[in-house]
Protein backbone atom coordinates (compact mmCIF):
# COMPACT_ATOMS: atom_id res chain seq x y z
CA UNK A 1 44.06 -57.15 105.50
CA UNK A 2 42.42 -55.25 108.34
CA UNK A 3 44.98 -52.49 107.71
CA UNK A 4 43.99 -52.31 104.02
CA UNK A 5 40.40 -52.21 104.90
CA UNK A 6 40.99 -49.44 107.43
CA UNK A 7 42.87 -47.37 104.89
CA UNK A 8 39.98 -47.85 102.40
CA UNK A 9 37.63 -46.85 105.03
CA UNK A 10 39.66 -43.65 105.85
CA UNK A 11 39.88 -42.85 102.14
CA UNK A 12 36.09 -43.21 101.72
CA UNK A 13 35.65 -41.11 104.73
CA UNK A 14 37.81 -38.39 103.40
CA UNK A 15 35.96 -38.55 100.09
CA UNK A 16 32.67 -38.25 101.90
CA UNK A 17 33.99 -35.27 103.83
CA UNK A 18 35.07 -33.54 100.59
CA UNK A 19 31.68 -34.29 98.83
CA UNK A 20 29.68 -32.62 101.49
CA UNK A 21 27.74 -32.38 104.67
CA UNK A 22 25.58 -35.37 104.24
CA UNK A 23 28.41 -37.51 105.41
CA UNK A 24 29.51 -35.44 108.27
CA UNK A 25 27.15 -37.22 110.69
CA UNK A 26 28.57 -40.56 109.91
CA UNK A 27 32.24 -39.65 110.72
CA UNK A 28 32.60 -39.90 114.64
CA UNK A 29 35.34 -37.89 116.26
CA UNK A 30 38.05 -40.34 116.95
CA UNK A 31 35.69 -43.41 117.04
CA UNK A 32 36.23 -46.21 114.48
CA UNK A 33 33.34 -47.00 112.03
CA UNK A 34 31.50 -50.33 112.32
CA UNK A 35 31.30 -52.57 109.35
CA UNK A 36 27.64 -51.60 108.84
CA UNK A 37 28.49 -47.94 108.93
CA UNK A 38 31.41 -48.42 106.55
CA UNK A 39 29.33 -50.37 104.06
CA UNK A 40 26.49 -47.70 104.23
CA UNK A 41 29.08 -45.08 103.68
CA UNK A 42 30.59 -46.93 100.70
CA UNK A 43 27.20 -47.44 99.17
CA UNK A 44 26.30 -43.80 99.65
CA UNK A 45 29.45 -42.68 98.00
CA UNK A 46 28.82 -45.02 95.09
CA UNK A 47 25.43 -43.58 94.74
CA UNK A 48 26.82 -40.16 94.71
CA UNK A 49 29.46 -41.12 92.11
CA UNK A 50 26.68 -42.55 90.02
CA UNK A 51 24.62 -39.38 90.23
CA UNK A 52 27.72 -37.31 89.35
CA UNK A 53 28.25 -39.46 86.23
CA UNK A 54 24.61 -38.99 85.34
CA UNK A 55 24.96 -35.21 85.73
CA UNK A 56 27.98 -35.18 83.56
CA UNK A 57 26.39 -37.26 80.94
CA UNK A 58 23.33 -35.02 81.02
CA UNK A 59 25.60 -32.07 80.58
CA UNK A 60 27.42 -33.71 77.58
CA UNK A 61 23.92 -34.37 76.03
CA UNK A 62 22.93 -30.78 76.50
CA UNK A 63 26.11 -29.60 74.86
CA UNK A 64 25.58 -32.02 71.91
CA UNK A 65 21.97 -30.86 71.58
CA UNK A 66 23.12 -27.17 71.55
CA UNK A 67 25.70 -27.94 68.87
CA UNK A 68 23.15 -29.81 66.88
CA UNK A 69 20.78 -26.83 67.04
CA UNK A 70 23.45 -24.44 66.22
CA UNK A 71 24.39 -26.65 63.18
CA UNK A 72 20.80 -27.03 62.24
CA UNK A 73 20.18 -23.19 61.92
CA UNK A 74 20.14 -21.74 58.47
CA UNK A 75 23.42 -19.91 57.51
CA UNK A 76 23.25 -16.29 56.19
CA UNK A 77 26.10 -14.78 54.26
CA UNK A 78 26.71 -11.32 52.91
CA UNK A 79 29.46 -11.11 50.36
CA UNK A 80 30.30 -9.77 46.77
CA UNK A 81 27.51 -11.94 45.35
CA UNK A 82 24.83 -10.46 47.61
CA UNK A 83 22.90 -12.05 50.44
CA UNK A 84 22.87 -15.76 50.54
CA UNK A 85 20.41 -17.74 52.91
CA UNK A 86 21.16 -21.53 53.05
CA UNK A 87 19.15 -24.31 54.87
CA UNK A 88 21.25 -26.59 57.09
CA UNK A 89 20.88 -29.47 54.51
CA UNK A 90 21.57 -27.11 51.57
CA UNK A 91 18.19 -28.26 50.01
CA UNK A 92 17.14 -24.56 49.99
CA UNK A 93 19.20 -21.76 48.97
CA UNK A 94 18.12 -18.08 48.05
CA UNK A 95 20.45 -15.43 46.76
CA UNK A 96 19.31 -11.81 46.78
CA UNK A 97 21.46 -9.54 44.55
CA UNK A 98 21.19 -7.27 41.51
CA UNK A 99 23.00 -4.37 39.81
CA UNK A 100 22.47 -0.73 38.74
CA UNK A 101 23.85 0.88 35.62
CA UNK A 102 23.90 4.65 35.18
CA UNK A 103 24.92 5.85 31.67
CA UNK A 104 25.90 8.97 29.95
CA UNK A 105 25.70 9.36 26.11
CA UNK A 106 27.66 12.31 24.63
CA UNK A 107 27.52 12.89 20.96
CA UNK A 108 29.98 14.92 18.77
CA UNK A 109 29.65 16.64 15.55
CA UNK A 110 26.21 17.55 14.13
CA UNK A 111 23.65 16.11 16.60
CA UNK A 112 20.27 14.66 15.83
CA UNK A 113 19.95 13.31 19.38
CA UNK A 114 20.60 15.33 22.54
CA UNK A 115 23.20 14.25 25.06
CA UNK A 116 21.58 12.00 27.79
CA UNK A 117 21.94 10.89 31.22
CA UNK A 118 19.86 7.76 32.27
CA UNK A 119 19.53 4.65 34.33
CA UNK A 120 19.96 1.93 31.66
CA UNK A 121 19.30 -0.97 33.98
CA UNK A 122 18.20 -1.32 37.61
CA UNK A 123 17.81 -5.03 38.10
CA UNK A 124 16.96 -6.55 41.56
CA UNK A 125 17.43 -10.47 41.38
CA UNK A 126 16.33 -13.26 43.55
CA UNK A 127 17.45 -16.77 42.51
CA UNK A 128 18.36 -20.04 44.12
CA UNK A 129 17.42 -23.74 44.50
CA UNK A 130 14.79 -25.75 46.14
CA UNK A 131 15.20 -29.38 47.02
CA UNK A 132 18.72 -29.23 45.42
CA UNK A 133 17.49 -29.94 41.95
CA UNK A 134 15.11 -27.15 41.12
CA UNK A 135 16.67 -23.85 40.20
CA UNK A 136 14.62 -20.47 39.97
CA UNK A 137 15.35 -16.91 38.98
CA UNK A 138 13.36 -13.68 39.15
CA UNK A 139 14.74 -10.57 37.76
CA UNK A 140 12.98 -7.17 37.37
CA UNK A 141 14.15 -4.18 35.38
CA UNK A 142 13.02 -0.75 36.79
CA UNK A 143 15.29 1.31 34.70
CA UNK A 144 14.31 4.41 32.64
CA UNK A 145 16.55 3.29 29.84
CA UNK A 146 15.15 -0.25 29.36
CA UNK A 147 14.71 0.31 25.64
CA UNK A 148 15.19 -3.24 24.56
CA UNK A 149 14.49 -5.36 27.73
CA UNK A 150 10.80 -5.72 27.75
CA UNK A 151 7.68 -4.33 26.09
CA UNK A 152 4.97 -2.20 27.61
CA UNK A 153 2.80 -5.25 28.25
CA UNK A 154 4.49 -5.78 31.55
CA UNK A 155 5.27 -2.03 32.18
CA UNK A 156 8.96 -2.83 31.34
CA UNK A 157 9.76 -4.57 34.79
CA UNK A 158 9.76 -8.31 34.20
CA UNK A 159 12.68 -10.02 32.38
CA UNK A 160 13.73 -13.33 34.01
CA UNK A 161 11.00 -15.60 35.67
CA UNK A 162 11.66 -19.30 35.23
CA UNK A 163 12.22 -22.72 36.89
CA UNK A 164 14.78 -25.15 35.81
CA UNK A 165 14.76 -28.89 36.66
CA UNK A 166 18.43 -29.92 37.28
CA UNK A 167 18.23 -33.68 38.18
CA UNK A 168 20.70 -34.44 35.47
CA UNK A 169 23.59 -32.27 34.26
CA UNK A 170 23.17 -33.43 30.82
CA UNK A 171 19.36 -33.13 30.55
CA UNK A 172 17.83 -30.22 32.17
CA UNK A 173 14.38 -28.80 31.66
CA UNK A 174 13.68 -25.03 31.96
CA UNK A 175 10.36 -23.17 31.60
CA UNK A 176 9.28 -19.61 32.00
CA UNK A 177 10.63 -16.25 30.68
CA UNK A 178 14.42 -15.99 29.95
CA UNK A 179 16.83 -15.17 27.23
CA UNK A 180 16.27 -17.07 24.04
CA UNK A 181 19.47 -19.18 23.36
CA UNK A 182 20.27 -17.83 19.96
CA UNK A 183 22.84 -15.04 20.23
CA UNK A 184 26.18 -15.54 21.78
CA UNK A 185 26.72 -12.09 23.12
CA UNK A 186 23.10 -12.04 23.97
CA UNK A 187 23.67 -14.88 26.51
CA UNK A 188 26.55 -13.09 28.22
CA UNK A 189 25.45 -11.30 31.41
CA UNK A 190 24.81 -7.47 30.60
CA UNK A 191 26.71 -6.80 33.74
CA UNK A 192 29.82 -8.13 32.15
CA UNK A 193 29.53 -6.93 28.48
CA UNK A 194 32.84 -5.66 26.92
CA UNK A 195 31.15 -2.53 25.67
CA UNK A 196 28.31 -0.46 27.13
CA UNK A 197 25.94 -1.51 24.34
CA UNK A 198 25.62 -4.82 22.56
CA UNK A 199 26.56 -5.03 18.84
CA UNK A 200 24.66 -5.16 15.53
CA UNK A 201 24.64 -8.95 15.38
CA UNK A 202 22.93 -9.11 18.82
CA UNK A 203 20.28 -6.82 17.36
CA UNK A 204 19.20 -9.48 15.02
CA UNK A 205 18.58 -12.09 17.84
CA UNK A 206 15.59 -12.23 20.16
CA UNK A 207 15.92 -11.03 23.76
CA UNK A 208 13.75 -12.36 26.70
CA UNK A 209 11.15 -14.84 25.47
CA UNK A 210 8.53 -17.16 26.96
CA UNK A 211 8.99 -20.84 26.42
CA UNK A 212 10.45 -24.05 27.44
CA UNK A 213 13.59 -25.91 26.46
CA UNK A 214 15.85 -28.84 27.32
CA UNK A 215 19.62 -28.12 27.71
CA UNK A 216 22.80 -28.94 29.56
CA UNK A 217 25.34 -26.51 31.09
CA UNK A 218 26.05 -24.76 27.72
CA UNK A 219 29.37 -23.18 28.60
CA UNK A 220 30.83 -25.56 31.03
CA UNK A 221 30.48 -28.75 28.93
CA UNK A 222 32.66 -29.83 26.02
CA UNK A 223 29.57 -30.03 24.02
CA UNK A 224 26.65 -27.71 24.95
CA UNK A 225 23.10 -27.96 23.53
CA UNK A 226 19.70 -26.40 23.89
CA UNK A 227 16.49 -27.00 22.06
CA UNK A 228 13.04 -25.60 22.87
CA UNK A 229 9.82 -23.90 21.78
CA UNK A 230 9.19 -20.15 22.45
CA UNK A 231 6.66 -17.61 21.74
CA UNK A 232 8.78 -16.08 19.17
CA UNK A 233 10.18 -12.51 20.04
CA UNK A 234 11.18 -10.26 17.33
CA UNK A 235 14.65 -9.21 16.53
CA UNK A 236 16.02 -7.17 19.45
CA UNK A 237 12.85 -7.39 21.48
CA UNK A 238 11.27 -9.38 24.25
CA UNK A 239 8.04 -11.18 24.32
CA UNK A 240 5.63 -10.70 27.13
CA UNK A 241 2.27 -11.83 25.72
CA UNK A 242 0.82 -13.66 22.75
CA UNK A 243 0.62 -11.68 19.58
CA UNK A 244 -0.33 -14.68 17.42
CA UNK A 245 -0.49 -18.39 17.61
CA UNK A 246 2.95 -18.90 15.92
CA UNK A 247 5.89 -20.43 17.90
CA UNK A 248 9.66 -20.56 17.33
CA UNK A 249 11.64 -23.60 17.44
CA UNK A 250 15.08 -22.59 18.80
CA UNK A 251 18.26 -24.73 18.93
CA UNK A 252 21.88 -24.24 19.57
CA UNK A 253 25.08 -26.41 19.65
CA UNK A 254 28.28 -25.19 21.03
CA UNK A 255 31.49 -27.07 21.44
CA UNK A 256 34.59 -26.61 23.59
CA UNK A 257 36.73 -29.60 22.45
CA UNK A 258 39.71 -28.74 24.61
CA UNK A 259 37.80 -27.84 27.81
CA UNK A 260 38.99 -30.80 29.86
CA UNK A 261 42.47 -30.86 28.54
CA UNK A 262 45.49 -29.19 30.34
CA UNK A 263 46.62 -27.43 27.12
CA UNK A 264 45.90 -23.82 28.41
CA UNK A 265 46.10 -22.00 25.04
CA UNK A 266 42.94 -23.53 23.64
CA UNK A 267 41.30 -24.74 26.77
CA UNK A 268 38.64 -21.98 26.45
CA UNK A 269 38.11 -22.15 22.76
CA UNK A 270 34.57 -22.59 21.85
CA UNK A 271 32.45 -22.44 18.60
CA UNK A 272 29.13 -23.47 17.46
CA UNK A 273 25.87 -22.39 15.73
CA UNK A 274 22.33 -21.51 16.85
CA UNK A 275 19.02 -20.72 15.05
CA UNK A 276 15.32 -20.34 15.22
CA UNK A 277 12.37 -20.92 12.84
CA UNK A 278 8.81 -20.04 13.12
CA UNK A 279 5.74 -18.59 11.54
CA UNK A 280 4.26 -15.33 12.71
CA UNK A 281 1.22 -13.22 11.51
CA UNK A 282 1.44 -10.47 13.97
CA UNK A 283 3.90 -8.65 16.42
CA UNK A 284 5.91 -5.50 16.69
CA UNK A 285 7.99 -4.46 13.84
CA UNK A 286 11.82 -4.37 14.33
CA UNK A 287 13.93 -1.25 14.39
CA UNK A 288 17.83 -1.38 14.51
CA UNK A 289 20.00 1.02 16.44
CA UNK A 290 23.48 2.45 16.36
CA UNK A 291 25.93 1.87 19.34
CA UNK A 292 24.69 5.29 20.55
CA UNK A 293 21.14 3.87 20.51
CA UNK A 294 19.95 6.01 17.54
CA UNK A 295 17.44 4.35 15.17
CA UNK A 296 19.36 3.62 11.91
CA UNK A 297 16.61 1.45 10.17
CA UNK A 298 12.93 0.75 10.67
CA UNK A 299 10.15 -0.86 8.47
CA UNK A 300 7.20 0.87 7.04
CA UNK A 301 4.03 -0.37 5.17
CA UNK A 302 4.48 -3.94 6.32
CA UNK A 303 3.43 -6.54 9.04
CA UNK A 304 4.76 -9.92 9.76
CA UNK A 305 3.08 -12.73 7.64
CA UNK A 306 4.92 -15.94 7.37
CA UNK A 307 7.97 -17.89 8.04
CA UNK A 308 10.98 -16.28 9.99
CA UNK A 309 14.26 -17.91 10.44
CA UNK A 310 17.66 -17.20 11.86
CA UNK A 311 21.19 -18.69 11.49
CA UNK A 312 23.88 -17.71 13.85
CA UNK A 313 27.30 -19.18 13.69
CA UNK A 314 29.61 -17.94 16.62
CA UNK A 315 32.89 -18.50 18.50
CA UNK A 316 34.81 -17.28 21.38
CA UNK A 317 38.41 -17.82 22.65
CA UNK A 318 39.85 -16.84 26.09
CA UNK A 319 43.39 -17.46 27.05
CA UNK A 320 44.62 -15.81 30.24
CA UNK A 321 43.89 -12.10 30.20
CA UNK A 322 43.06 -12.17 26.52
CA UNK A 323 39.51 -12.72 25.11
CA UNK A 324 37.83 -12.40 21.66
CA UNK A 325 34.26 -13.04 20.42
CA UNK A 326 32.79 -13.26 16.97
CA UNK A 327 29.36 -13.76 15.60
CA UNK A 328 27.62 -13.60 12.26
CA UNK A 329 23.84 -13.85 11.87
CA UNK A 330 21.20 -13.84 9.12
CA UNK A 331 17.62 -12.97 10.14
CA UNK A 332 15.06 -13.53 7.42
CA UNK A 333 11.40 -12.62 7.77
CA UNK A 334 8.45 -12.74 5.48
CA UNK A 335 6.09 -9.72 5.52
CA UNK A 336 2.75 -8.73 4.02
CA UNK A 337 2.26 -5.33 2.46
CA UNK A 338 -0.19 -3.01 4.20
CA UNK A 339 -0.09 -0.18 1.42
CA UNK A 340 -1.71 -0.23 -2.12
CA UNK A 341 0.38 -0.63 -5.14
CA UNK A 342 3.13 -2.82 -3.52
CA UNK A 343 3.78 -6.58 -3.75
CA UNK A 344 1.44 -8.41 -1.36
CA UNK A 345 4.22 -10.55 0.14
CA UNK A 346 7.95 -9.86 0.55
CA UNK A 347 10.89 -11.66 2.26
CA UNK A 348 13.80 -9.62 3.65
CA UNK A 349 17.24 -11.07 4.60
CA UNK A 350 19.16 -8.93 7.02
CA UNK A 351 22.79 -9.72 7.95
CA UNK A 352 25.02 -8.51 10.70
CA UNK A 353 28.41 -9.44 12.09
CA UNK A 354 30.78 -8.26 14.88
CA UNK A 355 34.13 -9.17 16.30
CA UNK A 356 35.08 -7.81 19.61
CA UNK A 357 38.14 -8.36 21.85
CA UNK A 358 39.47 -7.45 25.35
CA UNK A 359 42.68 -7.63 27.23
CA UNK A 360 43.28 -7.26 31.07
CA UNK A 361 46.31 -5.07 31.51
CA UNK A 362 46.45 -6.15 35.25
CA UNK A 363 46.49 -9.86 34.33
CA UNK A 364 43.08 -10.97 35.48
CA UNK A 365 41.68 -14.18 33.93
CA UNK A 366 39.31 -13.47 30.89
CA UNK A 367 36.24 -15.59 30.46
CA UNK A 368 32.74 -15.72 29.12
CA UNK A 369 30.23 -14.95 31.90
CA UNK A 370 26.67 -16.06 31.48
CA UNK A 371 25.32 -14.95 34.77
CA UNK A 372 25.73 -11.82 36.97
CA UNK A 373 26.87 -14.10 39.79
CA UNK A 374 30.16 -14.41 37.74
CA UNK A 375 32.11 -11.30 37.48
CA UNK A 376 35.71 -9.88 37.42
CA UNK A 377 37.44 -9.95 40.85
CA UNK A 378 40.54 -7.73 40.64
CA UNK A 379 43.90 -9.01 41.86
CA UNK A 380 44.20 -5.83 44.00
CA UNK A 381 41.03 -3.77 44.59
CA UNK A 382 41.16 -0.16 44.59
CA UNK A 383 42.04 1.04 47.96
CA UNK A 384 44.52 3.49 49.57
CA UNK A 385 47.26 2.25 51.96
CA UNK A 386 49.80 -0.50 52.11
CA UNK A 387 47.43 -3.30 51.24
CA UNK A 388 45.55 -1.24 48.32
CA UNK A 389 45.93 -1.30 44.68
CA UNK A 390 44.29 0.38 41.71
CA UNK A 391 41.81 -2.40 40.66
CA UNK A 392 41.73 -4.19 37.33
CA UNK A 393 42.06 -2.42 33.87
CA UNK A 394 40.59 -3.86 30.70
CA UNK A 395 40.91 -2.48 27.14
CA UNK A 396 38.38 -3.40 24.38
CA UNK A 397 37.91 -3.04 20.76
CA UNK A 398 35.18 -3.87 18.34
CA UNK A 399 34.33 -3.79 14.68
CA UNK A 400 30.82 -4.53 13.23
CA UNK A 401 28.52 -4.14 10.41
CA UNK A 402 24.69 -4.23 9.73
CA UNK A 403 23.42 -4.86 6.19
CA UNK A 404 19.77 -4.52 5.24
CA UNK A 405 18.02 -6.33 2.44
CA UNK A 406 18.10 -4.05 -0.69
CA UNK A 407 14.49 -5.00 -1.51
CA UNK A 408 13.53 -2.94 1.69
CA UNK A 409 14.39 0.11 -0.29
CA UNK A 410 12.68 -0.51 -3.64
CA UNK A 411 10.20 2.29 -4.33
CA UNK A 412 6.66 1.70 -5.46
CA UNK A 413 5.23 5.02 -6.28
CA UNK A 414 5.61 7.14 -3.16
CA UNK A 415 6.13 4.02 -0.92
CA UNK A 416 8.95 1.95 0.29
CA UNK A 417 9.31 -0.81 2.89
CA UNK A 418 11.71 1.31 4.89
CA UNK A 419 10.95 4.66 6.77
CA UNK A 420 12.53 7.74 5.27
CA UNK A 421 16.13 8.21 6.32
CA UNK A 422 16.84 4.55 6.95
CA UNK A 423 20.39 3.33 6.02
CA UNK A 424 21.16 0.47 3.77
CA UNK A 425 24.16 -0.51 5.70
CA UNK A 426 25.96 0.64 8.98
CA UNK A 427 29.52 0.05 9.80
CA UNK A 428 30.94 0.78 13.24
CA UNK A 429 34.27 0.57 15.14
CA UNK A 430 34.90 1.51 18.74
CA UNK A 431 37.52 1.25 21.54
CA UNK A 432 37.13 1.44 25.22
CA UNK A 433 38.51 0.91 28.78
CA UNK A 434 36.85 -0.84 31.69
CA UNK A 435 38.01 -0.08 35.09
CA UNK A 436 36.97 -2.51 37.87
CA UNK A 437 37.50 -0.72 41.30
CA UNK A 438 36.51 -4.05 43.06
CA UNK A 439 34.23 -7.01 42.52
CA UNK A 440 31.11 -4.87 42.74
CA UNK A 441 32.01 -1.32 41.16
CA UNK A 442 32.89 -0.91 37.53
CA UNK A 443 33.41 2.06 35.23
CA UNK A 444 33.08 1.78 31.27
CA UNK A 445 34.29 4.39 28.93
CA UNK A 446 33.82 3.74 25.17
CA UNK A 447 34.23 5.72 21.99
CA UNK A 448 32.32 4.46 18.95
CA UNK A 449 31.84 5.77 15.38
CA UNK A 450 29.33 4.71 12.95
CA UNK A 451 29.13 5.43 9.18
CA UNK A 452 26.26 4.84 6.82
CA UNK A 453 25.58 3.75 3.21
CA UNK A 454 22.33 5.17 1.99
CA UNK A 455 20.16 7.06 4.41
CA UNK A 456 19.40 10.80 3.74
CA UNK A 457 21.10 14.18 3.89
CA UNK A 458 18.24 15.71 5.92
CA UNK A 459 19.87 17.54 8.89
CA UNK A 460 17.33 16.03 11.28
CA UNK A 461 18.11 12.44 10.27
CA UNK A 462 20.47 10.14 12.22
CA UNK A 463 21.99 8.90 8.87
CA UNK A 464 22.70 12.44 7.70
CA UNK A 465 26.25 12.33 9.29
CA UNK A 466 28.40 9.64 10.97
CA UNK A 467 27.62 8.94 14.55
CA UNK A 468 30.52 9.79 16.99
CA UNK A 469 29.58 9.07 20.54
CA UNK A 470 31.18 8.64 24.02
CA UNK A 471 29.34 6.13 26.15
CA UNK A 472 30.17 5.93 29.88
CA UNK A 473 28.84 3.83 32.56
CA UNK A 474 29.11 3.50 36.30
CA UNK A 475 27.94 0.06 37.46
CA UNK A 476 27.17 -0.97 40.93
CA UNK A 477 26.55 -4.63 41.86
CA UNK A 478 24.96 -5.76 45.16
């Protein structure tokens, strides 16, 4: 027993010697320790062991606090979708991105419009969420070629400015300025159009409008819906301020019955209809343009005065690299006459349709993209070297027609309801190729030709000869 006690004392003494100088005075050269000295030494060692444990725990706590602080810091990411800043709890997200489109228009044959280089769209965008359930988006357009995006009331810079309450996927409330949910091609991101310019059917739909609606996730639900009240933008125009007290009721219903099935060929088949109705007594008169953006029809001697409605059945189908989209629309507007000797009120029914398709030669998945955050990502981006590729190639084709109400051309003395040289009908077809260098850089090259029924033989008029135009675009997304 005494031997074990002595061995323990020596182990404690050795520990004390290792720990440090404070114990050196208690270890006598060659002299045995008394019981009191041994107990004091043991107590001191226990105290130091406790202090070491406390110091170790404090160090662990400091490391945990440092890790928590690191995890609590906002995350900042820079990638193909721009700059994303996210709070630690993801309650607050902000994405800063945008895109630039630089276009060239080259006309062939007898020209009534000079060839042109322009910045078609320059759109910085800030969007995100606050408290997880509130989405927002601000988009400016600073481009010189913004001929249909906004009116001069906001100096052609403000397109999107809205807030969306997203507490429930199937019942969301959105208010502000954004695209009126009528046209199908209109709702596709202009950063992902098949062609450089939108088609005739899209020209009969309103563009950005002020209003509020209830909706669900239109193109990610088997049945998508939207219904709302808007100021009432004219065909192919945006609304930035009140022009009268009239409002438009807008509604759409879009079905994708096979969206949640595993049957791939029709999984992304969608069809539906949209429309609007409202009464207006003021506002800008509509002009319609060719794919080359030359005016093919405009009104004369009239002003809005009464009910306007639109009916727009539409469909799309995407299967692997293949995609097709079709749309037919009737836009009907009542006008009052502003010239003597003409009927006081007249209603004009204008009709347009378009069918366009695309195919990715490099096998990328085709889809409808309603936001510029969704874009084509090539399987192999354009790069030189062992890991490089040639990007993605998409071929496109389109046929379309615009038919104006024949009553627009009735002559009353020297007056009609259409400006001189306006066509009664325009028919267009086009082909093109889109080259996606990577997820952020894209090159469009289109050829489109348009022929007219009616119009004039005046050499200075757009409708004097068919339009033959090559449209090219360099698009950079950031």
